[in-house]
């Protein structure tokens, strides 16, 4: 009983640290890139949320920002970038094209980045305003703190399956 209490508090402390040290990997493919750059500028200053330095290596990042249209040919590259990121990892779909394919209704545009990778937060807009990006970042920070990011939930399921496989079988998972 006491060990569970200590583990929970250590996990909360780790999530608090993760929440304020998001290292972004910008996967920028289209016009939303200009709006993404404005978020890092002094007026909006994404640095105050702990997401200051973009990392251009997926192995050094834990937040994938998918900015712009994803084509079917880019899908495998996006998946490879996502797979190379360290756990836990989070994903934000930036703009309507990354979220739903946007106004491109053709064979080459992917209807949303979630066709390839799991997305934690969607930012609507064409292009989204910097304030929306900051709101999405705050929402993601809350999810990270609470352990509700998609990779954190997957990790908990794996840990539970390793320690109590009969519980998951009984629940039908």
N, C-alpha and C. Protein backbone atom coordinates (compact mmCIF):
# COMPACT_ATOMS: atom_id res chain seq x y z
N UNK A 1 0.83 -1.20 0.00
CA UNK A 1 0.00 0.00 0.00
C UNK A 1 0.86 1.25 0.00
N UNK A 2 1.89 1.30 0.85
CA UNK A 2 2.76 2.46 0.92
C UNK A 2 3.57 2.66 -0.34
N UNK A 3 3.97 1.56 -0.98
CA UNK A 3 4.75 1.64 -2.21
C UNK A 3 3.95 2.28 -3.33
N UNK A 4 2.67 1.94 -3.42
CA UNK A 4 1.81 2.52 -4.45
C UNK A 4 1.70 4.03 -4.28
N UNK A 5 1.60 4.51 -3.05
CA UNK A 5 1.51 5.93 -2.78
C UNK A 5 2.79 6.65 -3.21
N UNK A 6 3.94 6.07 -2.91
CA UNK A 6 5.21 6.67 -3.28
C UNK A 6 5.36 6.68 -4.80
N UNK A 7 5.00 5.59 -5.46
CA UNK A 7 5.12 5.51 -6.91
C UNK A 7 4.26 6.56 -7.58
N UNK A 8 3.07 6.77 -7.10
CA UNK A 8 2.18 7.76 -7.68
C UNK A 8 2.78 9.15 -7.56
N UNK A 9 3.36 9.46 -6.44
CA UNK A 9 3.93 10.79 -6.26
C UNK A 9 5.17 10.98 -7.13
N UNK A 10 5.97 9.94 -7.31
CA UNK A 10 7.13 10.03 -8.20
C UNK A 10 6.66 10.24 -9.63
N UNK A 11 5.64 9.52 -10.03
CA UNK A 11 5.09 9.68 -11.38
C UNK A 11 4.53 11.09 -11.58
N UNK A 12 3.86 11.63 -10.58
CA UNK A 12 3.35 13.00 -10.67
C UNK A 12 4.49 14.00 -10.81
N UNK A 13 5.56 13.80 -10.08
CA UNK A 13 6.72 14.70 -10.18
C UNK A 13 7.37 14.59 -11.56
N UNK A 14 7.47 13.38 -12.08
CA UNK A 14 8.04 13.21 -13.42
C UNK A 14 7.16 13.86 -14.47
N UNK A 15 5.85 13.71 -14.35
CA UNK A 15 4.93 14.35 -15.31
C UNK A 15 4.99 15.86 -15.21
N UNK A 16 5.18 16.39 -14.00
CA UNK A 16 5.32 17.84 -13.85
C UNK A 16 6.57 18.32 -14.60
N UNK A 17 7.66 17.58 -14.49
CA UNK A 17 8.88 17.94 -15.21
C UNK A 17 8.70 17.83 -16.71
N UNK A 18 8.03 16.78 -17.17
CA UNK A 18 7.78 16.60 -18.60
C UNK A 18 6.92 17.72 -19.17
N UNK A 19 5.97 18.14 -18.38
CA UNK A 19 5.02 19.16 -18.80
C UNK A 19 5.72 20.47 -19.16
N UNK A 20 6.77 20.81 -18.45
CA UNK A 20 7.47 22.07 -18.69
C UNK A 20 8.77 21.91 -19.47
N UNK A 21 8.99 20.76 -20.07
CA UNK A 21 10.21 20.57 -20.87
C UNK A 21 9.88 19.78 -22.13
N UNK A 22 8.95 20.30 -22.91
CA UNK A 22 8.56 19.66 -24.17
C UNK A 22 9.55 20.06 -25.26
N UNK A 23 10.20 19.08 -25.84
CA UNK A 23 11.13 19.32 -26.93
C UNK A 23 10.42 18.99 -28.23
N UNK A 24 10.16 20.01 -29.02
CA UNK A 24 9.33 19.83 -30.21
C UNK A 24 10.16 19.43 -31.43
N UNK A 25 9.56 18.57 -32.23
CA UNK A 25 10.08 18.26 -33.55
C UNK A 25 9.05 18.79 -34.53
N UNK A 26 9.35 19.88 -35.24
CA UNK A 26 8.37 20.43 -36.17
C UNK A 26 8.42 19.69 -37.51
N UNK A 27 7.34 19.04 -37.87
CA UNK A 27 7.20 18.38 -39.17
C UNK A 27 6.38 19.33 -40.02
N UNK A 28 7.05 20.31 -40.62
CA UNK A 28 6.39 21.40 -41.32
C UNK A 28 6.39 21.11 -42.82
N UNK A 29 5.21 21.11 -43.42
CA UNK A 29 5.11 20.78 -44.84
C UNK A 29 4.42 21.84 -45.68
N UNK A 30 3.77 22.80 -45.09
CA UNK A 30 2.99 23.72 -45.92
C UNK A 30 2.91 25.10 -45.30
N UNK A 31 1.92 25.85 -45.71
CA UNK A 31 1.78 27.27 -45.37
C UNK A 31 1.60 27.53 -43.88
N UNK A 32 1.16 26.59 -43.10
CA UNK A 32 1.01 26.80 -41.66
C UNK A 32 2.37 27.02 -40.98
N UNK A 33 3.43 26.72 -41.70
CA UNK A 33 4.77 26.91 -41.14
C UNK A 33 5.04 28.34 -40.72
N UNK A 34 4.51 29.31 -41.48
CA UNK A 34 4.71 30.73 -41.13
C UNK A 34 4.04 31.05 -39.80
N UNK A 35 2.85 30.52 -39.61
CA UNK A 35 2.14 30.76 -38.34
C UNK A 35 2.84 30.05 -37.20
N UNK A 36 3.38 28.89 -37.47
CA UNK A 36 4.14 28.15 -36.45
C UNK A 36 5.37 28.96 -36.02
N UNK A 37 6.05 29.58 -36.99
CA UNK A 37 7.23 30.39 -36.65
C UNK A 37 6.84 31.59 -35.80
N UNK A 38 5.67 32.15 -36.04
CA UNK A 38 5.26 33.33 -35.26
C UNK A 38 5.02 32.98 -33.79
N UNK A 39 4.69 31.74 -33.51
CA UNK A 39 4.46 31.34 -32.12
C UNK A 39 5.77 31.39 -31.33
N UNK A 40 6.89 31.15 -31.99
CA UNK A 40 8.18 31.18 -31.32
C UNK A 40 8.75 32.60 -31.23
N UNK A 41 8.12 33.55 -31.91
CA UNK A 41 8.60 34.93 -31.91
C UNK A 41 8.30 35.60 -30.56
N UNK A 42 8.91 36.75 -30.30
CA UNK A 42 8.75 37.40 -28.99
C UNK A 42 7.32 37.75 -28.59
N UNK A 43 6.45 38.03 -29.55
CA UNK A 43 5.10 38.45 -29.18
C UNK A 43 4.33 37.33 -28.48
N UNK A 44 4.48 36.10 -28.93
CA UNK A 44 3.73 34.98 -28.35
C UNK A 44 4.59 34.10 -27.47
N UNK A 45 5.86 33.96 -27.78
CA UNK A 45 6.87 33.36 -26.91
C UNK A 45 6.48 32.01 -26.33
N UNK A 46 6.56 31.00 -27.15
CA UNK A 46 6.25 29.64 -26.73
C UNK A 46 7.24 29.15 -25.66
N UNK A 47 8.36 29.86 -25.50
CA UNK A 47 9.37 29.47 -24.52
C UNK A 47 8.84 29.51 -23.09
N UNK A 48 7.90 30.39 -22.82
CA UNK A 48 7.38 30.47 -21.45
C UNK A 48 6.59 29.24 -21.05
N UNK A 49 6.27 28.38 -22.02
CA UNK A 49 5.57 27.12 -21.73
C UNK A 49 6.52 25.93 -21.71
N UNK A 50 7.81 26.19 -21.85
CA UNK A 50 8.77 25.10 -21.80
C UNK A 50 8.94 24.36 -23.11
N UNK A 51 8.46 24.94 -24.20
CA UNK A 51 8.58 24.29 -25.52
C UNK A 51 9.40 25.17 -26.45
N UNK A 52 10.49 25.68 -25.93
CA UNK A 52 11.24 26.72 -26.60
C UNK A 52 12.04 26.23 -27.80
N UNK A 53 12.87 25.26 -27.61
CA UNK A 53 13.83 24.88 -28.65
C UNK A 53 13.30 23.77 -29.52
N UNK A 54 13.15 24.03 -30.81
CA UNK A 54 12.78 22.92 -31.69
C UNK A 54 13.99 21.99 -31.86
N UNK A 55 13.74 20.73 -31.83
CA UNK A 55 14.78 19.72 -32.06
C UNK A 55 14.59 19.19 -33.46
N UNK A 56 15.64 19.14 -34.22
CA UNK A 56 15.53 18.65 -35.57
C UNK A 56 16.05 17.23 -35.69
N UNK A 57 16.02 16.53 -34.58
CA UNK A 57 16.28 15.10 -34.54
C UNK A 57 15.16 14.47 -33.74
N UNK A 58 14.44 13.50 -34.30
CA UNK A 58 13.34 12.90 -33.54
C UNK A 58 13.82 12.20 -32.28
N UNK A 59 15.05 11.79 -32.22
CA UNK A 59 15.57 11.09 -31.04
C UNK A 59 15.77 12.02 -29.85
N UNK A 60 15.74 13.33 -30.09
CA UNK A 60 15.91 14.31 -29.02
C UNK A 60 14.61 15.02 -28.68
N UNK A 61 13.50 14.58 -29.24
CA UNK A 61 12.25 15.29 -29.04
C UNK A 61 11.18 14.37 -28.48
N UNK A 62 10.20 14.99 -27.82
CA UNK A 62 9.07 14.21 -27.30
C UNK A 62 7.72 14.78 -27.72
N UNK A 63 7.72 15.88 -28.46
CA UNK A 63 6.48 16.47 -28.98
C UNK A 63 6.62 16.64 -30.49
N UNK A 64 5.79 15.94 -31.22
CA UNK A 64 5.77 16.04 -32.68
C UNK A 64 4.69 17.04 -33.07
N UNK A 65 5.09 18.13 -33.70
CA UNK A 65 4.14 19.13 -34.20
C UNK A 65 4.00 18.90 -35.69
N UNK A 66 2.86 18.38 -36.11
CA UNK A 66 2.60 18.14 -37.53
C UNK A 66 1.92 19.40 -38.06
N UNK A 67 2.66 20.14 -38.88
CA UNK A 67 2.23 21.46 -39.33
C UNK A 67 2.01 21.41 -40.83
N UNK A 68 0.77 21.46 -41.26
CA UNK A 68 0.47 21.52 -42.68
C UNK A 68 -0.05 20.22 -43.25
N UNK A 69 -0.19 20.21 -44.57
CA UNK A 69 -0.76 19.09 -45.30
C UNK A 69 0.18 17.90 -45.31
N UNK A 70 -0.38 16.72 -45.09
CA UNK A 70 0.39 15.49 -45.20
C UNK A 70 -0.11 14.76 -46.43
N UNK A 71 0.78 14.46 -47.34
CA UNK A 71 0.39 13.71 -48.53
C UNK A 71 0.57 12.22 -48.25
N UNK A 72 -0.02 11.42 -49.09
CA UNK A 72 0.09 9.96 -48.93
C UNK A 72 1.55 9.52 -49.02
N UNK A 73 2.34 10.18 -49.84
CA UNK A 73 3.75 9.83 -49.96
C UNK A 73 4.56 10.23 -48.74
N UNK A 74 4.11 11.22 -47.99
CA UNK A 74 4.81 11.65 -46.78
C UNK A 74 4.43 10.80 -45.57
N UNK A 75 3.35 10.07 -45.66
CA UNK A 75 2.88 9.26 -44.53
C UNK A 75 3.94 8.33 -43.95
N UNK A 76 4.62 7.52 -44.77
CA UNK A 76 5.65 6.64 -44.21
C UNK A 76 6.80 7.40 -43.55
N UNK A 77 7.17 8.56 -44.08
CA UNK A 77 8.23 9.35 -43.46
C UNK A 77 7.78 9.89 -42.11
N UNK A 78 6.54 10.33 -42.03
CA UNK A 78 5.99 10.81 -40.77
C UNK A 78 5.96 9.69 -39.74
N UNK A 79 5.56 8.50 -40.14
CA UNK A 79 5.53 7.34 -39.23
C UNK A 79 6.93 7.01 -38.74
N UNK A 80 7.92 7.09 -39.64
CA UNK A 80 9.31 6.80 -39.26
C UNK A 80 9.81 7.81 -38.24
N UNK A 81 9.49 9.08 -38.45
CA UNK A 81 9.88 10.12 -37.49
C UNK A 81 9.24 9.84 -36.13
N UNK A 82 7.96 9.52 -36.13
CA UNK A 82 7.25 9.23 -34.89
C UNK A 82 7.85 8.02 -34.17
N UNK A 83 8.16 6.97 -34.91
CA UNK A 83 8.71 5.76 -34.31
C UNK A 83 10.09 6.00 -33.70
N UNK A 84 10.85 6.96 -34.22
CA UNK A 84 12.19 7.24 -33.72
C UNK A 84 12.18 8.08 -32.45
N UNK A 85 11.05 8.65 -32.11
CA UNK A 85 10.98 9.49 -30.92
C UNK A 85 10.99 8.63 -29.67
N UNK A 86 11.56 9.20 -28.59
CA UNK A 86 11.63 8.49 -27.31
C UNK A 86 10.27 8.52 -26.62
N UNK A 87 10.02 7.53 -25.79
CA UNK A 87 8.79 7.47 -25.00
C UNK A 87 8.98 8.27 -23.71
N UNK A 88 7.98 8.85 -23.15
CA UNK A 88 6.67 9.10 -23.73
C UNK A 88 6.75 10.21 -24.76
N UNK A 89 5.83 10.18 -25.70
CA UNK A 89 5.82 11.17 -26.77
C UNK A 89 4.40 11.64 -27.02
N UNK A 90 4.30 12.86 -27.53
CA UNK A 90 3.01 13.47 -27.76
C UNK A 90 2.96 14.05 -29.16
N UNK A 91 1.75 14.23 -29.69
CA UNK A 91 1.58 14.72 -31.05
C UNK A 91 0.50 15.80 -31.07
N UNK A 92 0.80 16.90 -31.76
CA UNK A 92 -0.17 17.96 -32.00
C UNK A 92 -0.33 18.10 -33.51
N UNK A 93 -1.57 18.06 -33.98
CA UNK A 93 -1.88 18.32 -35.39
C UNK A 93 -2.22 19.80 -35.52
N UNK A 94 -1.39 20.52 -36.25
CA UNK A 94 -1.44 21.97 -36.35
C UNK A 94 -2.14 22.37 -37.63
N UNK A 95 -3.34 22.88 -37.51
CA UNK A 95 -4.08 23.36 -38.68
C UNK A 95 -5.05 22.34 -39.22
N UNK A 96 -5.97 22.83 -40.05
CA UNK A 96 -7.02 21.98 -40.57
C UNK A 96 -6.48 20.90 -41.51
N UNK A 97 -5.41 21.19 -42.24
CA UNK A 97 -4.87 20.19 -43.17
C UNK A 97 -4.25 19.01 -42.42
N UNK A 98 -3.52 19.29 -41.34
CA UNK A 98 -2.94 18.21 -40.55
C UNK A 98 -4.01 17.45 -39.78
N UNK A 99 -5.10 18.13 -39.46
CA UNK A 99 -6.17 17.51 -38.68
C UNK A 99 -7.12 16.67 -39.53
N UNK A 100 -7.52 17.21 -40.70
CA UNK A 100 -8.55 16.52 -41.49
C UNK A 100 -8.24 16.44 -42.98
N UNK A 101 -7.11 16.96 -43.41
CA UNK A 101 -6.83 17.01 -44.84
C UNK A 101 -7.22 18.33 -45.46
N UNK A 102 -7.95 19.15 -44.71
CA UNK A 102 -8.31 20.48 -45.17
C UNK A 102 -9.22 20.47 -46.36
N UNK A 103 -9.03 21.45 -47.22
CA UNK A 103 -9.88 21.56 -48.40
C UNK A 103 -9.37 20.72 -49.55
N UNK A 104 -8.28 19.98 -49.32
CA UNK A 104 -7.75 19.10 -50.36
C UNK A 104 -8.53 17.78 -50.34
N UNK A 105 -9.43 17.62 -51.25
CA UNK A 105 -10.20 16.38 -51.35
C UNK A 105 -9.76 15.65 -52.61
N UNK A 106 -8.53 15.14 -52.58
CA UNK A 106 -8.01 14.43 -53.74
C UNK A 106 -7.25 13.19 -53.30
N UNK A 107 -6.75 12.46 -54.26
CA UNK A 107 -6.12 11.18 -53.97
C UNK A 107 -4.79 11.32 -53.24
N UNK A 108 -4.11 12.46 -53.33
CA UNK A 108 -2.77 12.56 -52.76
C UNK A 108 -2.74 13.12 -51.34
N UNK A 109 -3.76 13.85 -50.92
CA UNK A 109 -3.78 14.43 -49.57
C UNK A 109 -4.34 13.42 -48.58
N UNK A 110 -3.61 13.23 -47.50
CA UNK A 110 -4.06 12.32 -46.45
C UNK A 110 -5.14 13.01 -45.62
N UNK A 111 -6.24 12.32 -45.33
CA UNK A 111 -7.33 12.95 -44.57
C UNK A 111 -7.03 13.01 -43.07
N UNK A 112 -5.95 13.65 -42.71
CA UNK A 112 -5.59 13.81 -41.31
C UNK A 112 -4.37 12.99 -40.94
N UNK A 113 -3.54 13.56 -40.07
CA UNK A 113 -2.33 12.88 -39.63
C UNK A 113 -2.63 11.66 -38.78
N UNK A 114 -3.84 11.61 -38.19
CA UNK A 114 -4.18 10.46 -37.35
C UNK A 114 -4.37 9.19 -38.16
N UNK A 115 -4.27 9.28 -39.48
CA UNK A 115 -4.27 8.08 -40.31
C UNK A 115 -2.95 7.32 -40.16
N UNK A 116 -1.91 8.02 -39.69
CA UNK A 116 -0.57 7.43 -39.60
C UNK A 116 -0.08 7.34 -38.15
N UNK A 117 -0.28 8.40 -37.38
CA UNK A 117 0.19 8.44 -35.99
C UNK A 117 -0.95 8.87 -35.08
N UNK A 118 -0.94 8.45 -33.82
CA UNK A 118 -1.99 8.91 -32.90
C UNK A 118 -1.76 10.38 -32.53
N UNK A 119 -2.83 11.16 -32.51
CA UNK A 119 -2.74 12.59 -32.24
C UNK A 119 -3.37 12.87 -30.88
N UNK A 120 -2.68 13.67 -30.07
CA UNK A 120 -3.19 14.04 -28.75
C UNK A 120 -4.07 15.28 -28.79
N UNK A 121 -3.65 16.31 -29.54
CA UNK A 121 -4.38 17.57 -29.58
C UNK A 121 -4.48 18.04 -31.03
N UNK A 122 -5.67 18.47 -31.41
CA UNK A 122 -5.91 19.03 -32.74
C UNK A 122 -6.09 20.54 -32.61
N UNK A 123 -5.47 21.29 -33.54
CA UNK A 123 -5.63 22.73 -33.58
C UNK A 123 -6.36 23.07 -34.88
N UNK A 124 -7.59 23.57 -34.81
CA UNK A 124 -8.32 23.91 -36.04
C UNK A 124 -7.83 25.24 -36.60
N UNK A 125 -8.21 25.52 -37.83
CA UNK A 125 -7.92 26.81 -38.41
C UNK A 125 -7.07 26.70 -39.66
N UNK A 126 -7.19 27.70 -40.52
CA UNK A 126 -6.44 27.72 -41.77
C UNK A 126 -5.95 29.14 -42.02
N UNK A 127 -4.82 29.50 -41.53
CA UNK A 127 -4.00 28.83 -40.52
C UNK A 127 -4.51 29.16 -39.13
N UNK A 128 -4.17 28.34 -38.15
CA UNK A 128 -4.60 28.66 -36.78
C UNK A 128 -3.85 29.88 -36.24
N UNK A 129 -4.51 30.63 -35.42
CA UNK A 129 -3.89 31.80 -34.79
C UNK A 129 -2.89 31.33 -33.74
N UNK A 130 -1.87 32.10 -33.46
CA UNK A 130 -0.90 31.73 -32.43
C UNK A 130 -1.54 31.50 -31.06
N UNK A 131 -2.60 32.24 -30.76
CA UNK A 131 -3.28 32.03 -29.47
C UNK A 131 -3.87 30.63 -29.39
N UNK A 132 -4.36 30.10 -30.51
CA UNK A 132 -4.89 28.74 -30.52
C UNK A 132 -3.78 27.73 -30.25
N UNK A 133 -2.61 28.00 -30.78
CA UNK A 133 -1.47 27.10 -30.57
C UNK A 133 -1.09 27.09 -29.10
N UNK A 134 -1.08 28.26 -28.49
CA UNK A 134 -0.76 28.33 -27.06
C UNK A 134 -1.83 27.63 -26.23
N UNK A 135 -3.10 27.77 -26.60
CA UNK A 135 -4.18 27.06 -25.90
C UNK A 135 -3.99 25.55 -26.03
N UNK A 136 -3.62 25.10 -27.21
CA UNK A 136 -3.40 23.66 -27.42
C UNK A 136 -2.22 23.17 -26.60
N UNK A 137 -1.19 23.98 -26.49
CA UNK A 137 -0.03 23.60 -25.70
C UNK A 137 -0.39 23.49 -24.22
N UNK A 138 -1.19 24.43 -23.73
CA UNK A 138 -1.64 24.37 -22.33
C UNK A 138 -2.50 23.12 -22.11
N UNK A 139 -3.37 22.81 -23.05
CA UNK A 139 -4.20 21.60 -22.96
C UNK A 139 -3.32 20.35 -22.93
N UNK A 140 -2.30 20.31 -23.78
CA UNK A 140 -1.39 19.16 -23.79
C UNK A 140 -0.63 19.07 -22.48
N UNK A 141 -0.20 20.20 -21.93
CA UNK A 141 0.50 20.18 -20.64
C UNK A 141 -0.39 19.61 -19.54
N UNK A 142 -1.67 19.95 -19.55
CA UNK A 142 -2.59 19.39 -18.56
C UNK A 142 -2.69 17.88 -18.72
N UNK A 143 -2.76 17.42 -19.95
CA UNK A 143 -2.85 15.98 -20.20
C UNK A 143 -1.58 15.26 -19.78
N UNK A 144 -0.44 15.88 -20.04
CA UNK A 144 0.84 15.28 -19.62
C UNK A 144 0.88 15.18 -18.11
N UNK A 145 0.50 16.23 -17.42
CA UNK A 145 0.51 16.24 -15.95
C UNK A 145 -0.39 15.15 -15.39
N UNK A 146 -1.54 14.94 -16.02
CA UNK A 146 -2.50 13.95 -15.54
C UNK A 146 -2.19 12.54 -16.04
N UNK A 147 -1.19 12.40 -16.91
CA UNK A 147 -0.86 11.08 -17.46
C UNK A 147 -1.84 10.62 -18.51
N UNK A 148 -2.50 11.57 -19.20
CA UNK A 148 -3.51 11.21 -20.20
C UNK A 148 -3.02 11.32 -21.64
N UNK A 149 -1.72 11.47 -21.84
CA UNK A 149 -1.20 11.44 -23.20
C UNK A 149 -1.32 10.03 -23.75
N UNK A 150 -1.47 9.89 -25.07
CA UNK A 150 -1.72 8.56 -25.65
C UNK A 150 -0.60 7.59 -25.33
N UNK A 151 0.66 8.03 -25.35
CA UNK A 151 1.75 7.10 -25.08
C UNK A 151 1.83 6.76 -23.59
N UNK A 152 1.43 7.69 -22.72
CA UNK A 152 1.42 7.39 -21.29
C UNK A 152 0.36 6.34 -20.98
N UNK A 153 -0.79 6.42 -21.63
CA UNK A 153 -1.85 5.44 -21.42
C UNK A 153 -1.41 4.06 -21.94
N UNK A 154 -0.74 4.05 -23.11
CA UNK A 154 -0.23 2.79 -23.66
C UNK A 154 0.79 2.17 -22.70
N UNK A 155 1.68 2.99 -22.12
CA UNK A 155 2.66 2.49 -21.17
C UNK A 155 1.99 1.87 -19.95
N UNK A 156 0.94 2.51 -19.45
CA UNK A 156 0.23 1.97 -18.29
C UNK A 156 -0.42 0.64 -18.62
N UNK A 157 -0.99 0.52 -19.82
CA UNK A 157 -1.58 -0.75 -20.23
C UNK A 157 -0.52 -1.85 -20.32
N UNK A 158 0.65 -1.51 -20.87
CA UNK A 158 1.74 -2.50 -20.96
C UNK A 158 2.21 -2.93 -19.58
N UNK A 159 2.35 -1.96 -18.67
CA UNK A 159 2.77 -2.30 -17.31
C UNK A 159 1.74 -3.17 -16.62
N UNK A 160 0.48 -2.84 -16.79
CA UNK A 160 -0.58 -3.62 -16.18
C UNK A 160 -0.63 -5.03 -16.76
N UNK A 161 -0.43 -5.14 -18.06
CA UNK A 161 -0.44 -6.46 -18.71
C UNK A 161 0.72 -7.32 -18.23
N UNK A 162 1.86 -6.68 -17.97
CA UNK A 162 3.02 -7.44 -17.50
C UNK A 162 2.85 -7.93 -16.07
N UNK A 163 2.18 -7.14 -15.25
CA UNK A 163 2.04 -7.50 -13.84
C UNK A 163 0.77 -8.29 -13.54
N UNK A 164 -0.31 -8.00 -14.28
CA UNK A 164 -1.59 -8.64 -14.00
C UNK A 164 -2.28 -9.04 -15.30
N UNK A 165 -1.77 -10.02 -16.05
CA UNK A 165 -2.38 -10.38 -17.31
C UNK A 165 -3.81 -10.92 -17.18
N UNK A 166 -4.09 -11.57 -16.06
CA UNK A 166 -5.44 -12.12 -15.88
C UNK A 166 -6.49 -11.03 -15.72
N UNK A 167 -6.11 -9.88 -15.19
CA UNK A 167 -7.04 -8.77 -15.04
C UNK A 167 -7.47 -8.24 -16.39
N UNK A 168 -6.51 -8.08 -17.31
CA UNK A 168 -6.83 -7.58 -18.63
C UNK A 168 -7.66 -8.59 -19.43
N UNK A 169 -7.36 -9.88 -19.27
CA UNK A 169 -8.14 -10.90 -19.97
C UNK A 169 -9.58 -10.91 -19.49
N UNK A 170 -9.78 -10.74 -18.20
CA UNK A 170 -11.14 -10.72 -17.65
C UNK A 170 -11.91 -9.48 -18.13
N UNK A 171 -11.18 -8.38 -18.34
CA UNK A 171 -11.83 -7.15 -18.80
C UNK A 171 -12.07 -7.16 -20.29
N UNK A 172 -11.51 -8.15 -20.99
CA UNK A 172 -11.73 -8.27 -22.42
C UNK A 172 -10.81 -7.42 -23.25
N UNK A 173 -9.66 -7.00 -22.72
CA UNK A 173 -8.71 -6.16 -23.47
C UNK A 173 -7.58 -7.00 -24.00
